[in-house]
Amino acid sequence: MPNLSDDQKFDNHILFQRIELVFKPATRWQDCTMPLTNAEVVEKVMEEQGMFFDSPEQIILIMEEMRFLYELNEHNRKHYWLLNPA
């Protein structure tokens, strides 16, 4: 059975694959070459894979489901996704 909400165009596994074409997860700050804020993640995904996503919020929800790390930077007190380019 597909994993779709009522108004979702694509199954979650397709959306996971689309995000994996843009980012790979980092497991810690030391391994992260591309820490991005929510806005930066949405911008990058929409630029490269936007036709697959219904909204910016959907991108963040998929990132959370994929268990990408979203960590606090102690220096500037902002949260970042710990990512590497795909």
N, C-alpha and C. Protein backbone atom coordinates (compact mmCIF):
# COMPACT_ATOMS: atom_id res chain seq x y z
N MET A 1 0.85 -1.19 0.00
CA MET A 1 0.00 0.00 0.00
C MET A 1 0.89 1.25 0.00
N PRO A 2 0.68 2.19 -0.91
CA PRO A 2 1.53 3.38 -0.95
C PRO A 2 1.40 4.23 0.30
N ASN A 3 2.47 4.89 0.64
CA ASN A 3 2.52 5.76 1.81
C ASN A 3 2.25 7.19 1.37
N LEU A 4 0.96 7.52 1.09
CA LEU A 4 0.57 8.83 0.58
C LEU A 4 -0.46 9.47 1.49
N SER A 5 -0.33 10.78 1.68
CA SER A 5 -1.41 11.51 2.33
C SER A 5 -2.44 11.81 1.25
N ASP A 6 -3.57 12.34 1.63
CA ASP A 6 -4.67 12.57 0.70
C ASP A 6 -4.29 13.42 -0.50
N ASP A 7 -3.44 14.43 -0.30
CA ASP A 7 -3.11 15.35 -1.39
C ASP A 7 -1.66 15.22 -1.87
N GLN A 8 -0.97 14.18 -1.48
CA GLN A 8 0.44 13.99 -1.82
C GLN A 8 0.58 13.36 -3.20
N LYS A 9 1.45 13.92 -4.04
CA LYS A 9 1.65 13.44 -5.41
C LYS A 9 2.48 12.16 -5.48
N PHE A 10 3.51 12.07 -4.63
CA PHE A 10 4.45 10.95 -4.71
C PHE A 10 4.55 10.23 -3.37
N ASP A 11 4.78 8.93 -3.45
CA ASP A 11 4.99 8.09 -2.28
C ASP A 11 6.26 8.55 -1.54
N ASN A 12 6.28 8.35 -0.22
CA ASN A 12 7.43 8.79 0.58
C ASN A 12 8.74 8.16 0.12
N HIS A 13 8.73 6.92 -0.30
CA HIS A 13 10.00 6.30 -0.71
C HIS A 13 10.58 7.01 -1.94
N ILE A 14 9.72 7.53 -2.81
CA ILE A 14 10.19 8.32 -3.96
C ILE A 14 10.80 9.64 -3.47
N LEU A 15 10.14 10.26 -2.49
CA LEU A 15 10.65 11.52 -1.94
C LEU A 15 11.97 11.31 -1.21
N PHE A 16 12.11 10.19 -0.51
CA PHE A 16 13.39 9.86 0.14
C PHE A 16 14.50 9.79 -0.91
N GLN A 17 14.22 9.10 -2.01
CA GLN A 17 15.22 8.97 -3.08
C GLN A 17 15.58 10.32 -3.67
N ARG A 18 14.61 11.19 -3.83
CA ARG A 18 14.86 12.52 -4.39
C ARG A 18 15.78 13.33 -3.48
N ILE A 19 15.55 13.25 -2.18
CA ILE A 19 16.41 13.97 -1.23
C ILE A 19 17.80 13.37 -1.23
N GLU A 20 17.90 12.04 -1.34
CA GLU A 20 19.21 11.39 -1.36
C GLU A 20 20.01 11.75 -2.61
N LEU A 21 19.36 12.27 -3.64
CA LEU A 21 20.09 12.75 -4.81
C LEU A 21 20.74 14.11 -4.55
N VAL A 22 20.30 14.78 -3.48
CA VAL A 22 20.81 16.10 -3.14
C VAL A 22 21.77 16.03 -1.94
N PHE A 23 21.39 15.27 -0.92
CA PHE A 23 22.13 15.22 0.34
C PHE A 23 22.40 13.79 0.80
N LYS A 24 23.49 13.65 1.51
CA LYS A 24 23.79 12.46 2.29
C LYS A 24 23.89 12.90 3.74
N PRO A 25 23.43 12.08 4.67
CA PRO A 25 23.49 12.51 6.08
C PRO A 25 24.92 12.45 6.62
N ALA A 26 25.22 13.38 7.49
CA ALA A 26 26.46 13.33 8.26
C ALA A 26 26.09 12.78 9.64
N THR A 27 27.00 12.07 10.26
CA THR A 27 26.70 11.46 11.54
C THR A 27 27.10 12.31 12.74
N ARG A 28 27.89 13.37 12.46
CA ARG A 28 28.32 14.28 13.53
C ARG A 28 28.87 15.55 12.88
N TRP A 29 29.06 16.58 13.70
CA TRP A 29 29.55 17.86 13.19
C TRP A 29 30.88 17.71 12.47
N GLN A 30 31.79 16.88 13.00
CA GLN A 30 33.12 16.73 12.42
C GLN A 30 33.09 16.15 11.01
N ASP A 31 32.04 15.40 10.68
CA ASP A 31 31.92 14.78 9.36
C ASP A 31 31.06 15.60 8.41
N CYS A 32 30.55 16.71 8.87
CA CYS A 32 29.59 17.50 8.11
C CYS A 32 30.31 18.56 7.27
N THR A 33 30.07 18.52 5.97
CA THR A 33 30.67 19.53 5.09
C THR A 33 29.64 20.56 4.62
N MET A 34 28.36 20.33 4.93
CA MET A 34 27.31 21.20 4.42
C MET A 34 26.21 21.39 5.47
N PRO A 35 26.51 22.06 6.59
CA PRO A 35 25.44 22.31 7.55
C PRO A 35 24.48 23.37 6.99
N LEU A 36 23.18 23.04 6.98
CA LEU A 36 22.20 23.94 6.40
C LEU A 36 21.02 24.16 7.34
N THR A 37 20.47 25.37 7.30
CA THR A 37 19.25 25.67 8.04
C THR A 37 18.05 25.10 7.28
N ASN A 38 16.89 25.14 7.91
CA ASN A 38 15.67 24.68 7.23
C ASN A 38 15.47 25.41 5.91
N ALA A 39 15.60 26.73 5.93
CA ALA A 39 15.39 27.53 4.72
C ALA A 39 16.38 27.14 3.62
N GLU A 40 17.63 26.90 3.99
CA GLU A 40 18.65 26.52 3.01
C GLU A 40 18.38 25.13 2.42
N VAL A 41 17.92 24.21 3.27
CA VAL A 41 17.58 22.86 2.80
C VAL A 41 16.44 22.95 1.79
N VAL A 42 15.39 23.68 2.16
CA VAL A 42 14.24 23.82 1.27
C VAL A 42 14.65 24.44 -0.06
N GLU A 43 15.45 25.49 0.00
CA GLU A 43 15.90 26.16 -1.22
C GLU A 43 16.66 25.20 -2.13
N LYS A 44 17.59 24.44 -1.56
CA LYS A 44 18.42 23.52 -2.34
C LYS A 44 17.58 22.39 -2.94
N VAL A 45 16.68 21.80 -2.14
CA VAL A 45 15.85 20.70 -2.65
C VAL A 45 14.89 21.22 -3.72
N MET A 46 14.28 22.37 -3.48
CA MET A 46 13.35 22.92 -4.47
C MET A 46 14.07 23.25 -5.78
N GLU A 47 15.31 23.70 -5.67
CA GLU A 47 16.10 24.03 -6.86
C GLU A 47 16.38 22.78 -7.70
N GLU A 48 16.67 21.67 -7.03
CA GLU A 48 17.09 20.47 -7.76
C GLU A 48 15.99 19.43 -7.95
N GLN A 49 15.04 19.36 -7.02
CA GLN A 49 14.03 18.30 -7.07
C GLN A 49 12.62 18.82 -6.76
N GLY A 50 12.39 20.09 -6.89
CA GLY A 50 11.15 20.73 -6.47
C GLY A 50 9.88 20.16 -7.09
N MET A 51 9.95 19.63 -8.30
CA MET A 51 8.75 19.12 -8.96
C MET A 51 8.14 17.92 -8.23
N PHE A 52 8.89 17.30 -7.33
CA PHE A 52 8.40 16.13 -6.61
C PHE A 52 7.69 16.48 -5.30
N PHE A 53 7.90 17.68 -4.80
CA PHE A 53 7.41 18.05 -3.48
C PHE A 53 6.23 19.01 -3.57
N ASP A 54 5.26 18.79 -2.69
CA ASP A 54 4.04 19.59 -2.67
C ASP A 54 4.21 20.92 -1.94
N SER A 55 5.16 20.97 -0.99
CA SER A 55 5.35 22.19 -0.20
C SER A 55 6.72 22.16 0.48
N PRO A 56 7.21 23.32 0.91
CA PRO A 56 8.46 23.34 1.68
C PRO A 56 8.35 22.53 2.98
N GLU A 57 7.19 22.56 3.60
CA GLU A 57 6.99 21.82 4.85
C GLU A 57 7.16 20.32 4.63
N GLN A 58 6.73 19.84 3.46
CA GLN A 58 6.85 18.42 3.16
C GLN A 58 8.32 18.00 3.11
N ILE A 59 9.18 18.85 2.61
CA ILE A 59 10.61 18.55 2.56
C ILE A 59 11.16 18.34 3.96
N ILE A 60 10.82 19.25 4.87
CA ILE A 60 11.31 19.13 6.25
C ILE A 60 10.75 17.88 6.92
N LEU A 61 9.48 17.57 6.69
CA LEU A 61 8.89 16.36 7.26
C LEU A 61 9.59 15.10 6.75
N ILE A 62 9.92 15.08 5.48
CA ILE A 62 10.64 13.92 4.91
C ILE A 62 12.04 13.83 5.51
N MET A 63 12.71 14.96 5.67
CA MET A 63 14.05 14.97 6.30
C MET A 63 13.97 14.39 7.71
N GLU A 64 12.94 14.76 8.45
CA GLU A 64 12.75 14.24 9.81
C GLU A 64 12.49 12.74 9.78
N GLU A 65 11.65 12.28 8.85
CA GLU A 65 11.37 10.86 8.74
C GLU A 65 12.61 10.06 8.36
N MET A 66 13.49 10.67 7.58
CA MET A 66 14.72 10.00 7.17
C MET A 66 15.74 9.98 8.30
N ARG A 67 15.43 10.67 9.37
CA ARG A 67 16.30 10.75 10.56
C ARG A 67 17.64 11.42 10.29
N PHE A 68 17.63 12.40 9.40
CA PHE A 68 18.80 13.25 9.23
C PHE A 68 18.98 14.02 10.53
N LEU A 69 20.20 14.26 10.94
CA LEU A 69 20.46 14.96 12.20
C LEU A 69 20.22 16.46 12.06
N TYR A 70 19.52 17.02 13.04
CA TYR A 70 19.22 18.45 13.11
C TYR A 70 19.74 18.91 14.46
N GLU A 71 20.90 19.55 14.47
CA GLU A 71 21.64 19.82 15.70
C GLU A 71 21.82 21.31 15.96
N LEU A 72 21.97 21.63 17.22
CA LEU A 72 22.24 23.00 17.65
C LEU A 72 23.72 23.31 17.51
N ASN A 73 24.03 24.45 16.90
CA ASN A 73 25.39 24.96 16.84
C ASN A 73 25.58 25.82 18.09
N GLU A 74 26.44 25.42 18.96
CA GLU A 74 26.65 26.11 20.24
C GLU A 74 27.21 27.52 20.06
N HIS A 75 27.90 27.79 18.97
CA HIS A 75 28.53 29.09 18.75
C HIS A 75 27.53 30.18 18.40
N ASN A 76 26.55 29.85 17.56
CA ASN A 76 25.60 30.88 17.16
C ASN A 76 24.16 30.60 17.62
N ARG A 77 23.98 29.48 18.33
CA ARG A 77 22.68 29.10 18.91
C ARG A 77 21.60 28.88 17.83
N LYS A 78 22.01 28.44 16.64
CA LYS A 78 21.08 28.11 15.57
C LYS A 78 21.13 26.61 15.30
N HIS A 79 20.04 26.06 14.80
CA HIS A 79 19.98 24.65 14.44
C HIS A 79 20.32 24.47 12.96
N TYR A 80 21.01 23.37 12.68
CA TYR A 80 21.40 23.04 11.32
C TYR A 80 21.19 21.56 11.05
N TRP A 81 20.85 21.24 9.80
CA TRP A 81 20.86 19.87 9.35
C TRP A 81 22.32 19.52 9.05
N LEU A 82 22.77 18.36 9.53
CA LEU A 82 24.15 17.92 9.29
C LEU A 82 24.16 17.10 8.02
N LEU A 83 24.67 17.71 6.95
CA LEU A 83 24.58 17.11 5.62
C LEU A 83 25.90 17.16 4.88
N ASN A 84 25.97 16.31 3.89
CA ASN A 84 27.05 16.31 2.93
C ASN A 84 26.42 16.28 1.54
N PRO A 85 27.09 16.80 0.53
CA PRO A 85 26.52 16.72 -0.82
C PRO A 85 26.44 15.27 -1.28
N ALA A 86 25.47 14.99 -2.09
CA ALA A 86 25.31 13.62 -2.62
C ALA A 86 26.33 13.34 -3.70
